Protein backbone atom coordinates (compact mmCIF):
# COMPACT_ATOMS: atom_id res chain seq x y z
CA LEU A 1 12.38 40.21 36.23
CA GLN A 2 8.61 40.53 36.19
CA PRO A 3 6.68 37.89 34.29
CA PHE A 4 4.69 38.93 31.22
CA VAL A 5 1.11 39.80 32.10
CA VAL A 6 0.14 38.92 28.52
CA ALA A 7 2.13 36.48 26.41
CA PRO A 8 4.09 38.32 23.70
CA LYS A 9 2.41 38.31 20.30
CA ALA A 10 4.09 36.62 17.37
CA PRO A 11 5.12 38.94 14.52
CA SER A 12 2.35 39.52 11.99
CA ASN A 13 4.59 38.24 9.19
CA LEU A 14 5.65 35.11 11.09
CA PHE A 15 4.01 32.66 8.70
CA ALA A 16 5.06 34.34 5.46
CA ALA A 17 8.65 34.83 6.57
CA ALA A 18 9.00 31.29 7.89
CA TRP A 19 7.35 29.63 4.89
CA THR A 20 9.63 31.48 2.46
CA LYS A 21 12.63 29.87 4.13
CA LEU A 22 10.99 26.47 4.59
CA GLN A 23 9.80 26.29 0.99
CA ALA A 24 13.30 27.10 -0.27
CA ALA A 25 14.70 24.39 2.01
CA VAL A 26 12.25 21.75 0.77
CA VAL A 27 13.00 22.58 -2.86
CA ALA A 28 16.74 22.40 -2.15
CA ILE A 29 16.33 19.02 -0.44
CA PHE A 30 14.39 17.50 -3.34
CA THR A 31 16.67 18.98 -6.00
CA ARG A 32 19.80 17.87 -4.08
CA LYS A 33 21.15 21.35 -3.59
CA PRO A 34 22.63 22.97 -0.47
CA VAL A 35 20.10 24.34 2.02
CA SER A 36 20.78 28.01 2.71
CA PHE A 37 19.63 27.97 6.34
CA SER A 38 20.73 25.87 9.28
CA LYS A 39 18.60 22.85 10.17
CA GLU A 40 18.26 24.16 13.70
CA GLN A 41 16.91 27.51 12.48
CA LEU A 42 14.42 25.84 10.13
CA TYR A 43 13.30 23.40 12.82
CA ARG A 44 12.67 26.36 15.16
CA ASP A 45 10.62 28.06 12.44
CA VAL A 46 8.41 24.98 12.14
CA GLU A 47 8.09 24.82 15.92
CA ALA A 48 7.14 28.51 16.11
CA LEU A 49 4.46 28.08 13.45
CA CYS A 50 2.97 25.08 15.24
CA ILE A 51 3.01 26.83 18.62
CA ASN A 52 1.24 29.84 17.10
CA ASN A 53 -1.61 27.79 15.60
CA HIS A 54 -0.36 27.79 12.01
CA GLU A 55 -0.25 23.99 11.74
CA ALA A 56 -3.11 23.65 9.25
CA ALA A 57 -1.81 26.50 7.10
CA LEU A 58 1.70 25.05 7.14
CA TYR A 59 0.44 21.62 6.11
CA GLY A 60 -1.68 23.29 3.43
CA LYS A 61 1.50 24.73 1.91
CA LEU A 62 3.75 21.73 2.47
CA GLU A 63 1.66 18.96 0.90
CA PRO A 64 1.25 20.61 -2.53
CA GLU A 65 4.94 21.55 -2.52
CA ILE A 66 5.92 17.92 -1.95
CA ALA A 67 3.37 16.83 -4.57
CA SER A 68 4.90 19.17 -7.15
CA LEU A 69 8.45 18.02 -6.43
CA THR A 70 7.35 14.38 -6.48
CA ARG A 71 5.75 14.89 -9.90
CA GLN A 72 9.15 16.10 -11.10
CA SER A 73 10.66 12.81 -9.91
CA ALA A 74 7.97 10.89 -11.79
CA ARG A 75 8.63 12.93 -14.93
CA ARG A 76 12.33 12.07 -14.74
CA ILE A 77 11.38 8.39 -14.56
CA SER A 78 9.08 8.89 -17.55
CA ASP A 79 11.93 10.53 -19.47
CA ALA A 80 14.20 7.62 -18.53
CA MET A 81 11.60 5.16 -19.82
CA LYS A 82 11.59 6.88 -23.22
CA GLU A 83 15.38 7.20 -23.27
CA CYS A 84 16.07 3.56 -22.37
CA GLY A 85 13.60 1.94 -24.74
CA ALA A 86 13.98 -1.84 -24.52
CA ASP A 87 16.99 -1.67 -22.18
CA SER A 88 15.21 -2.91 -19.05
CA GLY A 89 18.34 -3.08 -16.91
CA ARG A 90 19.34 0.51 -17.59
CA PHE A 91 15.80 1.76 -16.95
CA LEU A 92 15.56 -0.07 -13.62
CA SER A 93 18.93 1.36 -12.57
CA MET A 94 17.64 4.88 -13.26
CA VAL A 95 14.41 4.17 -11.36
CA HIS A 96 16.49 2.85 -8.46
CA VAL A 97 18.54 6.07 -8.36
CA GLU A 98 15.40 8.23 -8.49
CA TRP A 99 13.58 6.17 -5.85
CA SER A 100 16.58 6.25 -3.49
CA ALA A 101 16.92 10.02 -3.92
CA TRP A 102 13.19 10.50 -3.30
CA CYS A 103 13.38 8.42 -0.10
CA ASP A 104 16.30 10.52 1.13
CA ALA A 105 14.42 13.73 0.31
CA ILE A 106 11.13 12.80 1.99
CA THR A 107 13.00 11.53 5.06
CA ALA A 108 14.99 14.77 5.33
CA THR A 109 11.80 16.80 4.86
CA ARG A 110 10.00 14.79 7.52
CA ASN A 111 12.87 15.36 9.94
CA LEU A 112 12.72 19.08 9.25
CA PHE A 113 8.95 19.18 9.89
CA LEU A 114 9.04 16.70 12.76
CA VAL A 115 7.01 18.92 15.10
CA LEU A 116 4.25 19.18 12.48
CA ASP A 117 4.53 15.47 11.69
CA ARG A 118 4.10 14.43 15.32
CA SER A 119 1.23 16.80 16.01
CA PHE A 120 -1.06 17.92 13.18
CA ILE A 121 -0.24 15.17 10.67
CA HIS A 122 -0.32 12.45 13.34
CA ARG A 123 -3.79 13.59 14.40
CA LYS A 124 -4.91 13.33 10.77
CA GLY A 125 -3.65 9.74 10.76
CA GLY A 126 -0.30 8.61 9.41
CA SER A 127 2.88 10.56 8.84
CA LEU A 128 4.57 12.73 6.26
CA TRP A 129 6.25 9.56 4.94
CA ASP A 130 2.81 7.99 4.35
CA ILE A 131 1.55 11.13 2.65
CA GLY A 132 4.65 11.25 0.48
CA LEU A 133 4.15 7.64 -0.63
CA ARG A 134 0.56 8.38 -1.57
CA LEU A 135 1.70 11.37 -3.61
CA LEU A 136 4.42 9.28 -5.25
CA ALA A 137 2.00 6.51 -6.21
CA THR A 138 -0.33 9.07 -7.78
CA ALA A 139 2.52 10.80 -9.62
CA LEU A 140 3.87 7.53 -11.04
CA GLU A 141 0.40 6.48 -12.14
CA GLN A 142 -0.23 9.83 -13.83
CA ALA A 143 3.16 9.64 -15.53
CA GLY A 144 2.21 6.23 -16.95
CA VAL A 145 5.35 4.44 -15.75
CA GLN A 146 4.03 1.83 -13.30
CA GLY A 147 3.47 -0.72 -16.06
CA ALA A 148 6.97 -0.19 -17.45
CA ILE A 149 8.54 -0.59 -14.01
CA ILE A 150 6.70 -3.88 -13.45
CA ARG A 151 7.55 -5.16 -16.94
CA CYS A 152 11.24 -4.34 -16.57
CA LEU A 153 11.37 -5.89 -13.12
CA ARG A 154 9.87 -9.08 -14.56
CA ASP A 155 12.62 -9.02 -17.21
CA ALA A 156 15.25 -8.70 -14.47
CA VAL A 157 13.83 -11.61 -12.49
CA THR A 158 13.69 -13.73 -15.65
CA ALA A 159 17.32 -12.83 -16.36
CA GLN A 160 18.30 -13.99 -12.87
CA ARG A 161 16.49 -17.30 -13.38
CA GLN A 162 18.34 -17.81 -16.65
CA GLY A 163 21.70 -17.08 -15.05
CA ARG A 164 22.12 -13.74 -16.78
CA HIS A 165 23.28 -10.68 -14.88
CA ALA A 166 20.73 -8.52 -13.12
CA SER A 167 21.68 -6.30 -10.21
CA ALA A 168 20.29 -7.85 -7.02
CA ASP A 169 20.44 -4.48 -5.24
CA THR A 170 18.42 -2.82 -7.98
CA VAL A 171 15.86 -5.62 -8.00
CA ARG A 172 15.44 -5.38 -4.20
CA SER A 173 15.09 -1.61 -4.44
CA ILE A 174 12.38 -1.77 -7.12
CA VAL A 175 10.51 -4.50 -5.25
CA GLU A 176 10.55 -2.21 -2.20
CA LEU A 177 9.16 0.62 -4.33
CA LEU A 178 6.30 -1.56 -5.58
CA VAL A 179 5.49 -2.64 -2.03
CA TYR A 180 5.35 0.95 -0.82
CA ILE A 181 3.14 2.17 -3.68
CA ALA A 182 0.82 -0.87 -3.35
CA GLN A 183 1.73 -2.38 -6.72
CA TYR A 184 3.59 -5.46 -5.52
CA ASP A 185 0.56 -7.76 -5.75
CA SER A 186 0.21 -6.98 -9.46
CA PHE A 187 3.90 -7.75 -9.99
CA GLU A 188 3.80 -10.92 -7.89
CA GLU A 189 0.87 -12.36 -9.84
CA LEU A 190 2.68 -11.83 -13.15
CA CYS A 191 5.98 -13.05 -11.71
CA LEU A 192 4.43 -16.31 -10.50
CA SER A 193 2.93 -16.83 -13.93
CA ASP A 194 6.37 -16.23 -15.50
CA ALA A 195 7.93 -18.70 -13.07
CA ASP A 196 5.35 -21.36 -13.94
CA VAL A 197 6.09 -20.98 -17.65
CA PHE A 198 9.87 -20.99 -17.05
CA TYR A 199 9.90 -24.17 -14.96
CA ARG A 200 7.53 -26.01 -17.31
CA GLU A 201 9.89 -25.20 -20.17
CA GLU A 202 12.89 -26.31 -18.11
CA SER A 203 11.32 -29.66 -17.11
């Protein structure tokens, strides 16, 4: 076989065709539905786009898609806040479920776009996980739920101090969320104040 004198050109519709499949896969991942294409096929599509200098365009499509889907997660948390009212434990349980699902989704998406993550996004600084966390923090702030999450977590910690039931797994999960979205310091300051009041009253 004779080698190619000129490298074969990629199809003119490479980007559009690949992004149609990749977008559908990302939506399916975040909405917890089956992905219609094999992971291997989708991974190859990402690789082909990166090899053919479509990295910036691919990232330009991917980030707003993740942002939109993340805003949907934040809206579900906002709806849960309204639904649960004063039931802090129930609200935190729903936040825990949503946060865990979001983590699974962004991890699966990062794995799918690993070639992009390790090349273009890495050169920008950080990873798709870091970008996702930034988008999540913004979405939660815009949804107006950060204060409610911190308040309900304080209630759970107070309940534990008083010997009342509060799910330790849920508390750990929400603390992890606050750490990742850079809200833990705000919670810790309030929590230490609560602890001071509690132990003064107990003494």
